[in-house]
Structures are given as C-alpha cells and as structure tokens.
Amino acid sequence: MTETGYPTLAKRIAGLPDSEGFVFRRFDRLTARNLLYLEGKLAYLEHKLNEADRRAQEGDSEPLRSIRS
C-alpha cells in the first residue's frame, strides 16, 4: 500500500538536507490568544488556591487541615 497525503509529505520534508523544507506558518495571533487564555486560567487557579490557603488558616475542618500539610 502506497502512502499518500500527510505521511508522504512529512517524509519528503523530513528527508530534505538541513531541514530546508521546514517552512510553516507561525499563527502569531492564534498563539497569543491561546497564551492569554491559558494565563487567565492559571490566574483563576492561583486565586482559588490562595482562597483555599486563607480558609485553611482560618478554619479547622479536616479538608482544610489537609491543605495546610
């Protein structure tokens, strides 16, 4: 069975000397948007973790004690 499509193209690009065929679009706007989204998620998780730490110091329930340790 003969390979066609992406497998053939990938093999041809990878076989070029000095990776000359590695010319890909950078997707700058998409990359920046994705990084902003991920940064927002991390900021939210950091906020939730800080809240949990604060409650753990104030409270004395078993789940909160486990956060402290």
PDB file of N, CA and C in Angstrom:
ATOM      1  N   MET A   1       0.843  -1.180   0.000  1.00  0.00           N
ATOM      2  CA  MET A   1       0.000   0.000   0.000  1.00  0.00           C
ATOM      3  C   MET A   1       0.891   1.247   0.000  1.00  0.00           C
ATOM      4  N   THR A   2       0.607   2.158  -0.874  1.00  0.00           N
ATOM      5  CA  THR A   2       1.401   3.374  -1.018  1.00  0.00           C
ATOM      6  C   THR A   2       0.856   4.453  -0.090  1.00  0.00           C
ATOM      7  N   GLU A   3       1.796   5.107   0.619  1.00  0.00           N
ATOM      8  CA  GLU A   3       1.388   6.214   1.494  1.00  0.00           C
ATOM      9  C   GLU A   3       1.059   7.429   0.653  1.00  0.00           C
ATOM     10  N   THR A   4       0.032   8.134   1.057  1.00  0.00           N
ATOM     11  CA  THR A   4      -0.348   9.367   0.372  1.00  0.00           C
ATOM     12  C   THR A   4      -0.652  10.435   1.410  1.00  0.00           C
ATOM     13  N   GLY A   5      -0.821  11.642   0.958  1.00  0.00           N
ATOM     14  CA  GLY A   5      -1.239  12.721   1.845  1.00  0.00           C
ATOM     15  C   GLY A   5      -0.142  13.153   2.810  1.00  0.00           C
ATOM     16  N   TYR A   6      -0.540  13.421   4.040  1.00  0.00           N
ATOM     17  CA  TYR A   6       0.395  13.930   5.047  1.00  0.00           C
ATOM     18  C   TYR A   6       1.579  13.000   5.324  1.00  0.00           C
ATOM     19  N   PRO A   7       1.381  11.672   5.405  1.00  0.00           N
ATOM     20  CA  PRO A   7       2.548  10.822   5.643  1.00  0.00           C
ATOM     21  C   PRO A   7       3.629  10.972   4.568  1.00  0.00           C
ATOM     22  N   THR A   8       3.227  11.038   3.315  1.00  0.00           N
ATOM     23  CA  THR A   8       4.182  11.201   2.220  1.00  0.00           C
ATOM     24  C   THR A   8       4.842  12.573   2.271  1.00  0.00           C
ATOM     25  N   LEU A   9       4.057  13.598   2.497  1.00  0.00           N
ATOM     26  CA  LEU A   9       4.594  14.945   2.576  1.00  0.00           C
ATOM     27  C   LEU A   9       5.563  15.083   3.752  1.00  0.00           C
ATOM     28  N   ALA A  10       5.216  14.527   4.905  1.00  0.00           N
ATOM     29  CA  ALA A  10       6.093  14.590   6.072  1.00  0.00           C
ATOM     30  C   ALA A  10       7.418  13.884   5.801  1.00  0.00           C
ATOM     31  N   LYS A  11       7.357  12.743   5.157  1.00  0.00           N
ATOM     32  CA  LYS A  11       8.576  12.001   4.836  1.00  0.00           C
ATOM     33  C   LYS A  11       9.451  12.794   3.874  1.00  0.00           C
ATOM     34  N   ARG A  12       8.834  13.432   2.877  1.00  0.00           N
ATOM     35  CA  ARG A  12       9.585  14.233   1.910  1.00  0.00           C
ATOM     36  C   ARG A  12      10.233  15.445   2.586  1.00  0.00           C
ATOM     37  N   ILE A  13       9.484  16.154   3.440  1.00  0.00           N
ATOM     38  CA  ILE A  13      10.023  17.332   4.137  1.00  0.00           C
ATOM     39  C   ILE A  13      11.164  16.931   5.065  1.00  0.00           C
ATOM     40  N   ALA A  14      10.973  15.858   5.815  1.00  0.00           N
ATOM     41  CA  ALA A  14      11.990  15.411   6.772  1.00  0.00           C
ATOM     42  C   ALA A  14      13.247  14.927   6.071  1.00  0.00           C
ATOM     43  N   GLY A  15      13.139  14.481   4.833  1.00  0.00           N
ATOM     44  CA  GLY A  15      14.289  13.967   4.105  1.00  0.00           C
ATOM     45  C   GLY A  15      15.141  15.029   3.444  1.00  0.00           C
ATOM     46  N   LEU A  16      14.693  16.266   3.467  1.00  0.00           N
ATOM     47  CA  LEU A  16      15.461  17.341   2.844  1.00  0.00           C
ATOM     48  C   LEU A  16      16.679  17.685   3.693  1.00  0.00           C
ATOM     49  N   PRO A  17      17.819  17.971   3.051  1.00  0.00           N
ATOM     50  CA  PRO A  17      19.019  18.318   3.812  1.00  0.00           C
ATOM     51  C   PRO A  17      18.830  19.637   4.571  1.00  0.00           C
ATOM     52  N   ASP A  18      19.379  19.703   5.764  1.00  0.00           N
ATOM     53  CA  ASP A  18      19.339  20.906   6.601  1.00  0.00           C
ATOM     54  C   ASP A  18      17.921  21.389   6.885  1.00  0.00           C
ATOM     55  N   SER A  19      16.956  20.502   6.834  1.00  0.00           N
ATOM     56  CA  SER A  19      15.552  20.843   7.120  1.00  0.00           C
ATOM     57  C   SER A  19      15.068  22.049   6.323  1.00  0.00           C
ATOM     58  N   GLU A  20      15.504  22.156   5.090  1.00  0.00           N
ATOM     59  CA  GLU A  20      15.119  23.280   4.234  1.00  0.00           C
ATOM     60  C   GLU A  20      13.612  23.362   4.032  1.00  0.00           C
ATOM     61  N   GLY A  21      12.935  22.253   4.111  1.00  0.00           N
ATOM     62  CA  GLY A  21      11.504  22.225   3.846  1.00  0.00           C
ATOM     63  C   GLY A  21      10.655  22.645   5.026  1.00  0.00           C
ATOM     64  N   PHE A  22      11.270  22.948   6.167  1.00  0.00           N
ATOM     65  CA  PHE A  22      10.510  23.313   7.359  1.00  0.00           C
ATOM     66  C   PHE A  22      10.101  24.780   7.292  1.00  0.00           C
ATOM     67  N   VAL A  23       9.131  25.047   6.469  1.00  0.00           N
ATOM     68  CA  VAL A  23       8.588  26.397   6.369  1.00  0.00           C
ATOM     69  C   VAL A  23       7.116  26.285   6.744  1.00  0.00           C
ATOM     70  N   PHE A  24       6.811  26.735   7.936  1.00  0.00           N
ATOM     71  CA  PHE A  24       5.446  26.628   8.434  1.00  0.00           C
ATOM     72  C   PHE A  24       4.933  27.997   8.852  1.00  0.00           C
ATOM     73  N   ARG A  25       3.667  28.153   8.770  1.00  0.00           N
ATOM     74  CA  ARG A  25       3.026  29.374   9.240  1.00  0.00           C
ATOM     75  C   ARG A  25       3.175  29.457  10.758  1.00  0.00           C
ATOM     76  N   ARG A  26       3.341  30.672  11.293  1.00  0.00           N
ATOM     77  CA  ARG A  26       3.608  30.837  12.731  1.00  0.00           C
ATOM     78  C   ARG A  26       2.356  30.956  13.576  1.00  0.00           C
ATOM     79  N   PHE A  27       1.247  31.351  13.037  1.00  0.00           N
ATOM     80  CA  PHE A  27      -0.001  31.503  13.784  1.00  0.00           C
ATOM     81  C   PHE A  27       0.181  32.433  14.980  1.00  0.00           C
ATOM     82  N   ASP A  28       0.809  33.602  14.746  1.00  0.00           N
ATOM     83  CA  ASP A  28       1.112  34.534  15.830  1.00  0.00           C
ATOM     84  C   ASP A  28      -0.127  34.951  16.622  1.00  0.00           C
ATOM     85  N   ARG A  29      -1.181  35.365  15.939  1.00  0.00           N
ATOM     86  CA  ARG A  29      -2.385  35.831  16.633  1.00  0.00           C
ATOM     87  C   ARG A  29      -3.030  34.698  17.417  1.00  0.00           C
ATOM     88  N   LEU A  30      -3.109  33.522  16.823  1.00  0.00           N
ATOM     89  CA  LEU A  30      -3.701  32.369  17.491  1.00  0.00           C
ATOM     90  C   LEU A  30      -2.861  31.954  18.701  1.00  0.00           C
ATOM     91  N   THR A  31      -1.554  31.973  18.547  1.00  0.00           N
ATOM     92  CA  THR A  31      -0.670  31.620  19.649  1.00  0.00           C
ATOM     93  C   THR A  31      -0.829  32.600  20.805  1.00  0.00           C
ATOM     94  N   ALA A  32      -0.853  33.897  20.491  1.00  0.00           N
ATOM     95  CA  ALA A  32      -1.011  34.913  21.537  1.00  0.00           C
ATOM     96  C   ALA A  32      -2.354  34.752  22.238  1.00  0.00           C
ATOM     97  N   ARG A  33      -3.386  34.500  21.475  1.00  0.00           N
ATOM     98  CA  ARG A  33      -4.720  34.327  22.085  1.00  0.00           C
ATOM     99  C   ARG A  33      -4.755  33.095  22.980  1.00  0.00           C
ATOM    100  N   ASN A  34      -4.155  32.014  22.538  1.00  0.00           N
ATOM    101  CA  ASN A  34      -4.118  30.796  23.335  1.00  0.00           C
ATOM    102  C   ASN A  34      -3.340  31.021  24.629  1.00  0.00           C
ATOM    103  N   LEU A  35      -2.202  31.718  24.543  1.00  0.00           N
ATOM    104  CA  LEU A  35      -1.418  32.001  25.740  1.00  0.00           C
ATOM    105  C   LEU A  35      -2.189  32.892  26.713  1.00  0.00           C
ATOM    106  N   LEU A  36      -2.920  33.878  26.204  1.00  0.00           N
ATOM    107  CA  LEU A  36      -3.738  34.723  27.068  1.00  0.00           C
ATOM    108  C   LEU A  36      -4.824  33.908  27.769  1.00  0.00           C
ATOM    109  N   TYR A  37      -5.439  32.997  27.039  1.00  0.00           N
ATOM    110  CA  TYR A  37      -6.457  32.124  27.623  1.00  0.00           C
ATOM    111  C   TYR A  37      -5.870  31.275  28.735  1.00  0.00           C
ATOM    112  N   LEU A  38      -4.719  30.651  28.463  1.00  0.00           N
ATOM    113  CA  LEU A  38      -4.086  29.801  29.469  1.00  0.00           C
ATOM    114  C   LEU A  38      -3.632  30.609  30.678  1.00  0.00           C
ATOM    115  N   GLU A  39      -3.135  31.813  30.439  1.00  0.00           N
ATOM    116  CA  GLU A  39      -2.718  32.675  31.542  1.00  0.00           C
ATOM    117  C   GLU A  39      -3.921  33.044  32.411  1.00  0.00           C
ATOM    118  N   GLY A  40      -5.056  33.296  31.786  1.00  0.00           N
ATOM    119  CA  GLY A  40      -6.270  33.585  32.531  1.00  0.00           C
ATOM    120  C   GLY A  40      -6.701  32.414  33.398  1.00  0.00           C
ATOM    121  N   LYS A  41      -6.619  31.210  32.845  1.00  0.00           N
ATOM    122  CA  LYS A  41      -6.967  30.013  33.624  1.00  0.00           C
ATOM    123  C   LYS A  41      -6.027  29.846  34.808  1.00  0.00           C
ATOM    124  N   LEU A  42      -4.733  30.072  34.584  1.00  0.00           N
ATOM    125  CA  LEU A  42      -3.765  29.949  35.675  1.00  0.00           C
ATOM    126  C   LEU A  42      -3.996  31.008  36.753  1.00  0.00           C
ATOM    127  N   ALA A  43      -4.340  32.217  36.343  1.00  0.00           N
ATOM    128  CA  ALA A  43      -4.616  33.271  37.316  1.00  0.00           C
ATOM    129  C   ALA A  43      -5.826  32.897  38.165  1.00  0.00           C
ATOM    130  N   TYR A  44      -6.854  32.326  37.538  1.00  0.00           N
ATOM    131  CA  TYR A  44      -8.032  31.884  38.277  1.00  0.00           C
ATOM    132  C   TYR A  44      -7.669  30.773  39.274  1.00  0.00           C
ATOM    133  N   LEU A  45      -6.894  29.795  38.812  1.00  0.00           N
ATOM    134  CA  LEU A  45      -6.490  28.701  39.701  1.00  0.00           C
ATOM    135  C   LEU A  45      -5.628  29.206  40.854  1.00  0.00           C
ATOM    136  N   GLU A  46      -4.769  30.177  40.576  1.00  0.00           N
ATOM    137  CA  GLU A  46      -3.949  30.770  41.634  1.00  0.00           C
ATOM    138  C   GLU A  46      -4.837  31.459  42.663  1.00  0.00           C
ATOM    139  N   HIS A  47      -5.848  32.176  42.176  1.00  0.00           N
ATOM    140  CA  HIS A  47      -6.789  32.845  43.073  1.00  0.00           C
ATOM    141  C   HIS A  47      -7.514  31.824  43.955  1.00  0.00           C
ATOM    142  N   LYS A  48      -8.005  30.741  43.343  1.00  0.00           N
ATOM    143  CA  LYS A  48      -8.707  29.703  44.110  1.00  0.00           C
ATOM    144  C   LYS A  48      -7.777  29.054  45.132  1.00  0.00           C
ATOM    145  N   LEU A  49      -6.531  28.818  44.770  1.00  0.00           N
ATOM    146  CA  LEU A  49      -5.572  28.228  45.695  1.00  0.00           C
ATOM    147  C   LEU A  49      -5.292  29.166  46.860  1.00  0.00           C
ATOM    148  N   ASN A  50      -5.146  30.463  46.562  1.00  0.00           N
ATOM    149  CA  ASN A  50      -4.932  31.442  47.633  1.00  0.00           C
ATOM    150  C   ASN A  50      -6.123  31.492  48.576  1.00  0.00           C
ATOM    151  N   GLU A  51      -7.346  31.405  48.021  1.00  0.00           N
ATOM    152  CA  GLU A  51      -8.551  31.362  48.858  1.00  0.00           C
ATOM    153  C   GLU A  51      -8.550  30.129  49.749  1.00  0.00           C
ATOM    154  N   ALA A  52      -8.211  28.992  49.186  1.00  0.00           N
ATOM    155  CA  ALA A  52      -8.178  27.747  49.966  1.00  0.00           C
ATOM    156  C   ALA A  52      -7.135  27.836  51.071  1.00  0.00           C
ATOM    157  N   ASP A  53      -5.973  28.416  50.777  1.00  0.00           N
ATOM    158  CA  ASP A  53      -4.935  28.589  51.800  1.00  0.00           C
ATOM    159  C   ASP A  53      -5.429  29.493  52.922  1.00  0.00           C
ATOM    160  N   ARG A  54      -6.106  30.572  52.543  1.00  0.00           N
ATOM    161  CA  ARG A  54      -6.634  31.513  53.546  1.00  0.00           C
ATOM    162  C   ARG A  54      -7.671  30.824  54.432  1.00  0.00           C
ATOM    163  N   ARG A  55      -8.581  30.068  53.822  1.00  0.00           N
ATOM    164  CA  ARG A  55      -9.604  29.354  54.601  1.00  0.00           C
ATOM    165  C   ARG A  55      -8.974  28.288  55.475  1.00  0.00           C
ATOM    166  N   ALA A  56      -7.911  27.658  54.991  1.00  0.00           N
ATOM    167  CA  ALA A  56      -7.242  26.618  55.777  1.00  0.00           C
ATOM    168  C   ALA A  56      -6.624  27.208  57.039  1.00  0.00           C
ATOM    169  N   GLN A  57      -6.133  28.413  56.944  1.00  0.00           N
ATOM    170  CA  GLN A  57      -5.541  29.051  58.123  1.00  0.00           C
ATOM    171  C   GLN A  57      -6.611  29.500  59.107  1.00  0.00           C
ATOM    172  N   GLU A  58      -7.801  29.840  58.618  1.00  0.00           N
ATOM    173  CA  GLU A  58      -8.869  30.323  59.486  1.00  0.00           C
ATOM    174  C   GLU A  58      -9.697  29.192  60.071  1.00  0.00           C
ATOM    175  N   GLY A  59      -9.914  28.132  59.312  1.00  0.00           N
ATOM    176  CA  GLY A  59     -10.814  27.065  59.732  1.00  0.00           C
ATOM    177  C   GLY A  59     -10.087  25.900  60.365  1.00  0.00           C
ATOM    178  N   ASP A  60     -10.892  24.917  60.794  1.00  0.00           N
ATOM    179  CA  ASP A  60     -10.297  23.743  61.430  1.00  0.00           C
ATOM    180  C   ASP A  60     -10.973  22.461  60.970  1.00  0.00           C
ATOM    181  N   SER A  61     -11.485  22.446  59.738  1.00  0.00           N
ATOM    182  CA  SER A  61     -12.106  21.217  59.232  1.00  0.00           C
ATOM    183  C   SER A  61     -11.032  20.305  58.651  1.00  0.00           C
ATOM    184  N   GLU A  62     -11.339  19.046  58.532  1.00  0.00           N
ATOM    185  CA  GLU A  62     -10.373  18.052  58.036  1.00  0.00           C
ATOM    186  C   GLU A  62      -9.852  18.385  56.630  1.00  0.00           C
ATOM    187  N   PRO A  63     -10.714  18.711  55.667  1.00  0.00           N
ATOM    188  CA  PRO A  63     -10.176  19.044  54.330  1.00  0.00           C
ATOM    189  C   PRO A  63      -9.245  20.256  54.366  1.00  0.00           C
ATOM    190  N   LEU A  64      -9.600  21.234  55.192  1.00  0.00           N
ATOM    191  CA  LEU A  64      -8.759  22.426  55.261  1.00  0.00           C
ATOM    192  C   LEU A  64      -7.439  22.129  55.952  1.00  0.00           C
ATOM    193  N   ARG A  65      -7.445  21.269  56.944  1.00  0.00           N
ATOM    194  CA  ARG A  65      -6.186  20.885  57.605  1.00  0.00           C
ATOM    195  C   ARG A  65      -5.269  20.156  56.638  1.00  0.00           C
ATOM    196  N   SER A  66      -5.852  19.351  55.750  1.00  0.00           N
ATOM    197  CA  SER A  66      -5.023  18.611  54.794  1.00  0.00           C
ATOM    198  C   SER A  66      -4.352  19.562  53.803  1.00  0.00           C
ATOM    199  N   ILE A  67      -5.000  20.693  53.510  1.00  0.00           N
ATOM    200  CA  ILE A  67      -4.394  21.669  52.613  1.00  0.00           C
ATOM    201  C   ILE A  67      -3.133  22.231  53.255  1.00  0.00           C
ATOM    202  N   ARG A  68      -3.177  22.480  54.556  1.00  0.00           N
ATOM    203  CA  ARG A  68      -2.028  23.066  55.254  1.00  0.00           C
ATOM    204  C   ARG A  68      -0.836  22.119  55.272  1.00  0.00           C
ATOM    205  N   SER A  69      -1.105  20.842  55.338  1.00  0.00           N
ATOM    206  CA  SER A  69       0.014  19.899  55.407  1.00  0.00           C
ATOM    207  C   SER A  69       0.444  19.523  54.015  1.00  0.00           C
TER     208      SER A  69
END
